[in-house]
Amino acid sequence: MNICLIGEGAFAIKHLEAINNIKDVQVTSIVGGVEAATKEVADKYQIPFATLDLKEGLNQPGIKAAIIASPTPIHAAQALQVMQQGKHVLIEIPFADTLADAQAVCAAQKETGLIAMAGHTRRFNPSHQWMHNKIQDGELNIQHLDVQTFFFRRKNLNALGEPRSWTDHLLWHHACHTVDLFAYQTGEEISEIQAMQGPVHPELGIAMDMSIGLKTPSGALCTLTLSFNNDGPFGTFFRYICDNGTYIARYDDLVDGRENPIDVSDIDVSLNGIELEDREFFSAIRENREPNGSVHQTLAAMKVLDQLEQALGKIPV
């Protein structure tokens, strides 16, 4: 299967490294935003065709699908173009940064019948898969999901410490992971929300700290703390407080409430959540089925983000 990769930044590279572990799939075209950086990635990963033109990249021989790992503000527009050109699409999170754009992507999927998946990696991390299996089997019920999403981004830099051409967002990007995960793990719609934000950064134009609360009809709670001001270990850490145990997930790793490791090595064919996400996308294409994390399944999270944005007041971008 020939893939067009859209984006040349830190997360595009994560997908390239994941695809290297998947048989019968190869990236044969890359579409970037900066010519020199795009050529550098193409050369390093032996991608035969590199361009800044999306239409040209998608039209290379044999391209079956595209993975979008470009700046968030252009995800939805690129996803629409990919589907208009008859290609399946995996859109990195968030698949849109407004509810209207998310609904437009879902409408395009229905119209074309193509596979359209959002990159909700938390559904695939072995740690969260282990929790999901236990919840589905009735062994655990979530009482409270406490989540900390911490970064130190007082300058507009990406995960590699390089300058960004766009500004990341705590709500529409980072909170999106947890909102979807909470609904996915509980199997319920989110029925109540609350939100607060700290001061807006004078240069970046975004709130640097947020506190979000979610509740389902059964009474399960989610408390989400987000910060771009945290000068310390960064990332997202999930504490599942359940009726029958407490568990802490750190990306692909899982421990119990007393920090005893839990073996998740037999959960799936890999311990890399991004690789597992990509495998699901390719399998859905081959099997002509809706993938776990389709844009329709994850639209509910986008609706909640829209409600949270309204609760916070329109956030400057």
Protein backbone atom coordinates (compact mmCIF):
# COMPACT_ATOMS: atom_id res chain seq x y z
CA MET A 1 0.00 0.00 0.00
CA ASN A 2 1.47 3.34 -1.07
CA ILE A 3 0.93 6.23 1.33
CA CYS A 4 1.24 9.99 0.99
CA LEU A 5 2.49 11.60 4.20
CA ILE A 6 1.37 15.20 4.69
CA GLY A 7 3.71 17.06 7.02
CA GLU A 8 7.44 17.00 7.73
CA GLY A 9 7.52 17.81 11.46
CA ALA A 10 7.98 15.85 14.67
CA PHE A 11 4.77 13.85 14.44
CA ALA A 12 5.19 13.06 10.76
CA ILE A 13 8.51 11.47 11.70
CA LYS A 14 6.78 9.38 14.39
CA HIS A 15 4.49 7.99 11.69
CA LEU A 16 7.42 7.27 9.38
CA GLU A 17 9.19 5.34 12.11
CA ALA A 18 6.00 3.42 12.91
CA ILE A 19 5.36 2.52 9.26
CA ASN A 20 8.89 1.14 8.98
CA ASN A 21 7.66 -1.68 11.26
CA ILE A 22 4.60 -2.50 9.12
CA LYS A 23 4.91 -4.91 6.21
CA ASP A 24 3.50 -4.12 2.77
CA VAL A 25 3.04 -0.39 3.50
CA GLN A 26 5.38 2.34 2.32
CA VAL A 27 5.41 6.12 2.17
CA THR A 28 6.12 6.96 -1.47
CA SER A 29 5.17 10.65 -1.38
CA ILE A 30 5.63 13.42 1.19
CA VAL A 31 3.94 16.82 1.12
CA GLY A 32 5.55 19.41 3.36
CA GLY A 33 5.23 23.04 4.24
CA VAL A 34 8.92 24.02 4.17
CA GLU A 35 10.95 22.94 1.16
CA ALA A 36 14.32 22.34 2.83
CA ALA A 37 12.86 20.43 5.78
CA THR A 38 10.65 18.34 3.50
CA LYS A 39 13.60 17.37 1.31
CA GLU A 40 15.66 16.51 4.37
CA VAL A 41 12.98 14.12 5.69
CA ALA A 42 12.48 12.59 2.22
CA ASP A 43 16.20 11.94 1.87
CA LYS A 44 16.59 10.49 5.37
CA TYR A 45 13.64 8.10 5.03
CA GLN A 46 14.17 7.34 1.33
CA ILE A 47 10.82 8.72 0.19
CA PRO A 48 10.98 8.89 -3.61
CA PHE A 49 8.83 12.00 -4.14
CA ALA A 50 8.72 15.25 -2.15
CA THR A 51 6.67 18.35 -2.86
CA LEU A 52 4.91 21.32 -1.25
CA ASP A 53 1.83 20.80 -3.47
CA LEU A 54 -0.83 18.53 -1.95
CA LYS A 55 -2.56 17.72 -5.24
CA GLU A 56 0.76 16.75 -6.81
CA GLY A 57 1.69 14.54 -3.85
CA LEU A 58 -1.64 12.74 -3.87
CA ASN A 59 -1.48 12.16 -7.63
CA GLN A 60 1.72 10.11 -7.50
CA PRO A 61 1.33 6.57 -8.92
CA GLY A 62 -0.40 4.04 -6.70
CA ILE A 63 -1.20 6.34 -3.77
CA LYS A 64 -4.02 4.68 -1.83
CA ALA A 65 -4.27 6.85 1.27
CA ALA A 66 -2.83 9.82 3.10
CA ILE A 67 -1.77 10.50 6.68
CA ILE A 68 -2.13 14.14 7.69
CA ALA A 69 0.44 15.29 10.25
CA SER A 70 0.54 18.94 9.25
CA PRO A 71 -0.27 22.05 11.37
CA THR A 72 -3.62 21.76 13.15
CA PRO A 73 -5.31 24.76 11.47
CA ILE A 74 -5.15 23.11 8.02
CA HIS A 75 -6.14 19.54 9.01
CA ALA A 76 -9.78 19.82 7.97
CA ALA A 77 -9.15 21.57 4.64
CA GLN A 78 -6.49 19.02 3.70
CA ALA A 79 -8.71 16.11 4.74
CA LEU A 80 -11.46 17.40 2.46
CA GLN A 81 -9.00 17.69 -0.44
CA VAL A 82 -7.64 14.19 0.16
CA MET A 83 -11.14 12.68 0.03
CA GLN A 84 -12.07 14.80 -2.98
CA GLN A 85 -9.12 13.19 -4.76
CA GLY A 86 -10.42 9.72 -3.86
CA LYS A 87 -7.92 8.77 -1.15
CA HIS A 88 -8.53 7.35 2.32
CA VAL A 89 -7.31 9.59 5.13
CA LEU A 90 -5.93 9.38 8.67
CA ILE A 91 -5.95 12.85 10.23
CA GLU A 92 -3.79 13.53 13.22
CA ILE A 93 -5.56 14.89 16.26
CA PRO A 94 -7.51 17.12 16.19
CA PHE A 95 -9.08 16.38 12.84
CA ALA A 96 -10.49 19.92 12.93
CA ASP A 97 -10.24 22.89 15.25
CA THR A 98 -13.88 23.96 15.00
CA LEU A 99 -17.08 21.93 15.25
CA ALA A 100 -18.27 23.18 11.86
CA ASP A 101 -15.11 21.93 10.16
CA ALA A 102 -15.36 18.58 11.97
CA GLN A 103 -18.92 18.17 10.74
CA ALA A 104 -17.80 19.03 7.19
CA VAL A 105 -15.17 16.27 7.31
CA CYS A 106 -17.77 13.77 8.52
CA ALA A 107 -20.13 14.83 5.73
CA ALA A 108 -17.38 14.33 3.15
CA GLN A 109 -16.71 10.83 4.46
CA LYS A 110 -20.38 9.93 4.08
CA GLU A 111 -20.47 11.36 0.59
CA THR A 112 -17.35 9.58 -0.64
CA GLY A 113 -17.56 6.35 1.37
CA LEU A 114 -13.80 6.50 1.97
CA ILE A 115 -12.09 5.56 5.23
CA ALA A 116 -11.61 8.68 7.38
CA MET A 117 -9.99 8.18 10.76
CA ALA A 118 -8.88 10.59 13.48
CA GLY A 119 -5.53 10.01 15.18
CA HIS A 120 -6.79 9.31 18.69
CA THR A 121 -3.68 7.41 19.75
CA ARG A 122 -4.94 6.93 23.32
CA ARG A 123 -7.42 4.35 22.00
CA PHE A 124 -4.43 2.28 20.88
CA ASN A 125 -1.74 2.73 23.55
CA PRO A 126 -1.33 -0.73 25.18
CA SER A 127 -1.83 0.87 28.61
CA HIS A 128 -5.26 2.24 27.69
CA GLN A 129 -6.15 -0.91 25.76
CA TRP A 130 -5.47 -2.93 28.94
CA MET A 131 -7.82 -0.63 30.87
CA HIS A 132 -10.45 -0.78 28.13
CA ASN A 133 -10.45 -4.59 28.13
CA LYS A 134 -10.87 -4.71 31.92
CA ILE A 135 -13.74 -2.20 31.77
CA GLN A 136 -15.43 -4.06 28.91
CA ASP A 137 -15.15 -7.34 30.85
CA GLY A 138 -16.82 -5.72 33.88
CA GLU A 139 -13.73 -6.07 36.10
CA LEU A 140 -13.30 -2.31 36.51
CA ASN A 141 -15.54 0.75 36.50
CA ILE A 142 -14.14 4.26 36.35
CA GLN A 143 -15.02 6.43 39.31
CA HIS A 144 -12.65 9.28 38.46
CA LEU A 145 -10.17 9.76 35.63
CA ASP A 146 -7.61 12.35 36.74
CA VAL A 147 -5.39 13.61 33.92
CA GLN A 148 -2.43 15.99 33.82
CA THR A 149 -1.22 17.34 30.48
CA PHE A 150 1.95 19.34 31.08
CA PHE A 151 4.36 21.10 28.71
CA PHE A 152 6.71 24.06 28.86
CA ARG A 153 5.94 26.13 25.78
CA ARG A 154 6.37 29.82 26.51
CA LYS A 155 7.87 30.14 23.04
CA ASN A 156 6.32 28.88 19.83
CA LEU A 157 8.40 25.71 19.45
CA ASN A 158 7.49 22.17 18.44
CA ALA A 159 8.30 18.89 20.19
CA LEU A 160 11.82 18.98 18.71
CA GLY A 161 12.45 22.49 20.04
CA GLU A 162 12.20 24.00 16.55
CA PRO A 163 10.21 27.17 15.66
CA ARG A 164 6.57 26.59 14.71
CA SER A 165 4.70 28.37 11.93
CA TRP A 166 1.45 27.96 13.88
CA THR A 167 0.38 27.98 17.53
CA ASP A 168 -0.53 24.83 19.43
CA HIS A 169 -3.70 24.83 21.54
CA LEU A 170 -4.49 23.29 24.92
CA LEU A 171 -8.21 22.85 24.25
CA TRP A 172 -8.57 21.83 20.61
CA HIS A 173 -5.44 19.68 20.57
CA HIS A 174 -4.37 18.40 23.96
CA ALA A 175 -7.74 18.28 25.74
CA CYS A 176 -9.16 16.50 22.70
CA HIS A 177 -7.19 13.34 23.58
CA THR A 178 -8.70 13.11 27.06
CA VAL A 179 -12.26 14.10 26.15
CA ASP A 180 -12.42 11.29 23.58
CA LEU A 181 -10.67 8.79 25.87
CA PHE A 182 -13.04 9.45 28.77
CA ALA A 183 -16.11 8.85 26.61
CA TYR A 184 -14.50 5.81 24.97
CA GLN A 185 -13.49 4.19 28.26
CA THR A 186 -16.80 4.81 30.05
CA GLY A 187 -18.92 3.98 27.00
CA GLU A 188 -21.08 6.98 27.80
CA GLU A 189 -21.77 10.42 26.43
CA ILE A 190 -20.37 13.31 28.44
CA SER A 191 -23.39 14.99 29.99
CA GLU A 192 -21.90 17.76 32.16
CA ILE A 193 -18.91 20.05 31.67
CA GLN A 194 -17.11 22.85 33.46
CA ALA A 195 -14.04 24.85 32.45
CA MET A 196 -11.71 27.61 33.55
CA GLN A 197 -8.64 29.12 31.92
CA GLY A 198 -5.72 31.23 33.09
CA PRO A 199 -4.28 34.41 31.56
CA VAL A 200 -3.72 34.67 27.82
CA HIS A 201 -0.04 34.78 26.82
CA PRO A 202 0.74 38.28 25.46
CA GLU A 203 2.72 36.96 22.47
CA LEU A 204 1.25 33.52 21.74
CA GLY A 205 -2.34 34.74 22.15
CA ILE A 206 -3.53 31.56 23.89
CA ALA A 207 -4.42 30.57 27.44
CA MET A 208 -1.44 28.78 28.95
CA ASP A 209 -3.36 26.95 31.70
CA MET A 210 -6.77 25.27 31.82
CA SER A 211 -8.87 23.26 34.23
CA ILE A 212 -11.63 21.09 32.77
CA GLY A 213 -14.23 18.90 34.48
CA LEU A 214 -16.39 16.26 32.79
CA LYS A 215 -19.15 13.95 34.03
CA THR A 216 -21.15 11.08 32.51
CA PRO A 217 -24.76 10.14 33.36
CA SER A 218 -23.56 7.26 35.58
CA GLY A 219 -21.58 9.71 37.71
CA ALA A 220 -18.06 8.98 36.46
CA LEU A 221 -15.85 12.06 36.69
CA CYS A 222 -12.88 13.32 34.70
CA THR A 223 -10.64 16.11 35.96
CA LEU A 224 -8.20 17.44 33.37
CA THR A 225 -5.40 19.89 34.17
CA LEU A 226 -3.46 21.38 31.26
CA SER A 227 -0.47 23.72 31.25
CA PHE A 228 2.11 25.16 28.88
CA ASN A 229 3.81 26.71 31.93
CA ASN A 230 5.06 23.53 33.60
CA ASP A 231 8.84 23.56 33.96
CA GLY A 232 9.39 19.87 34.66
CA PRO A 233 8.62 16.44 33.23
CA PHE A 234 6.26 16.88 30.31
CA GLY A 235 3.56 14.73 28.74
CA THR A 236 0.17 13.40 29.77
CA PHE A 237 -0.37 11.18 32.78
CA PHE A 238 -3.68 9.38 33.38
CA ARG A 239 -4.75 8.16 36.83
CA TYR A 240 -7.69 5.76 36.59
CA ILE A 241 -9.41 5.63 39.97
CA CYS A 242 -11.74 2.64 39.69
CA ASP A 243 -14.07 0.66 41.92
CA ASN A 244 -11.55 -2.16 42.03
CA GLY A 245 -8.11 -0.58 41.86
CA THR A 246 -6.15 2.47 40.76
CA TYR A 247 -3.94 2.54 37.67
CA ILE A 248 -1.61 5.13 36.15
CA ALA A 249 -1.00 5.24 32.40
CA ARG A 250 1.97 7.09 30.95
CA TYR A 251 1.62 6.76 27.19
CA ASP A 252 2.29 3.07 26.46
CA ASP A 253 3.29 2.14 30.04
CA LEU A 254 0.98 1.18 32.91
CA VAL A 255 1.47 0.82 36.68
CA ASP A 256 -0.94 0.31 39.56
CA GLY A 257 -1.64 2.96 42.18
CA ARG A 258 1.49 2.00 44.09
CA GLU A 259 3.72 2.22 41.00
CA ASN A 260 3.99 -1.55 40.50
CA PRO A 261 4.48 -2.21 36.75
CA ILE A 262 1.76 -4.02 34.84
CA ASP A 263 2.83 -6.13 31.88
CA VAL A 264 0.99 -4.97 28.75
CA SER A 265 3.35 -6.66 26.29
CA ASP A 266 0.74 -9.20 25.16
CA ILE A 267 -2.04 -6.68 24.56
CA ASP A 268 -1.23 -6.11 20.89
CA VAL A 269 1.39 -6.75 18.22
CA SER A 270 3.41 -3.70 19.25
CA LEU A 271 4.05 -1.51 22.29
CA ASN A 272 3.97 1.62 20.13
CA GLY A 273 0.57 3.31 20.19
CA ILE A 274 1.20 5.29 17.00
CA GLU A 275 2.17 2.13 15.13
CA LEU A 276 -1.00 0.43 16.39
CA GLU A 277 -3.07 3.42 15.28
CA ASP A 278 -1.53 3.23 11.80
CA ARG A 279 -2.07 -0.54 11.65
CA GLU A 280 -5.78 -0.02 12.40
CA PHE A 281 -6.04 2.51 9.58
CA PHE A 282 -4.41 0.22 7.02
CA SER A 283 -6.46 -2.79 8.18
CA ALA A 284 -9.70 -0.81 7.88
CA ILE A 285 -8.80 0.10 4.29
CA ARG A 286 -8.01 -3.50 3.36
CA GLU A 287 -11.15 -4.82 5.10
CA ASN A 288 -13.39 -1.96 3.93
CA ARG A 289 -14.75 -1.28 7.40
CA GLU A 290 -15.12 1.62 9.82
CA PRO A 291 -11.94 1.96 11.89
CA ASN A 292 -11.76 2.37 15.64
CA GLY A 293 -11.43 6.14 15.97
CA SER A 294 -13.30 7.05 12.80
CA VAL A 295 -14.23 10.71 12.38
CA HIS A 296 -17.84 9.79 13.12
CA GLN A 297 -16.95 8.03 16.39
CA THR A 298 -14.79 10.94 17.53
CA LEU A 299 -17.18 13.70 16.48
CA ALA A 300 -18.72 13.50 19.96
CA ALA A 301 -15.45 14.75 21.45
CA MET A 302 -15.45 17.68 19.03
CA LYS A 303 -18.95 18.62 20.18
CA VAL A 304 -17.78 18.61 23.81
CA LEU A 305 -14.75 20.76 22.90
CA ASP A 306 -17.12 23.24 21.26
CA GLN A 307 -19.21 23.33 24.44
CA LEU A 308 -16.07 23.86 26.53
CA GLU A 309 -14.95 26.69 24.26
CA GLN A 310 -18.29 28.37 24.71
CA ALA A 311 -18.03 27.91 28.49
CA LEU A 312 -14.56 29.50 28.47
CA GLY A 313 -15.54 32.29 26.14
CA LYS A 314 -14.11 32.45 22.64
CA ILE A 315 -10.40 31.73 23.00
CA PRO A 316 -8.08 34.00 20.99
CA VAL A 317 -6.14 32.22 18.25
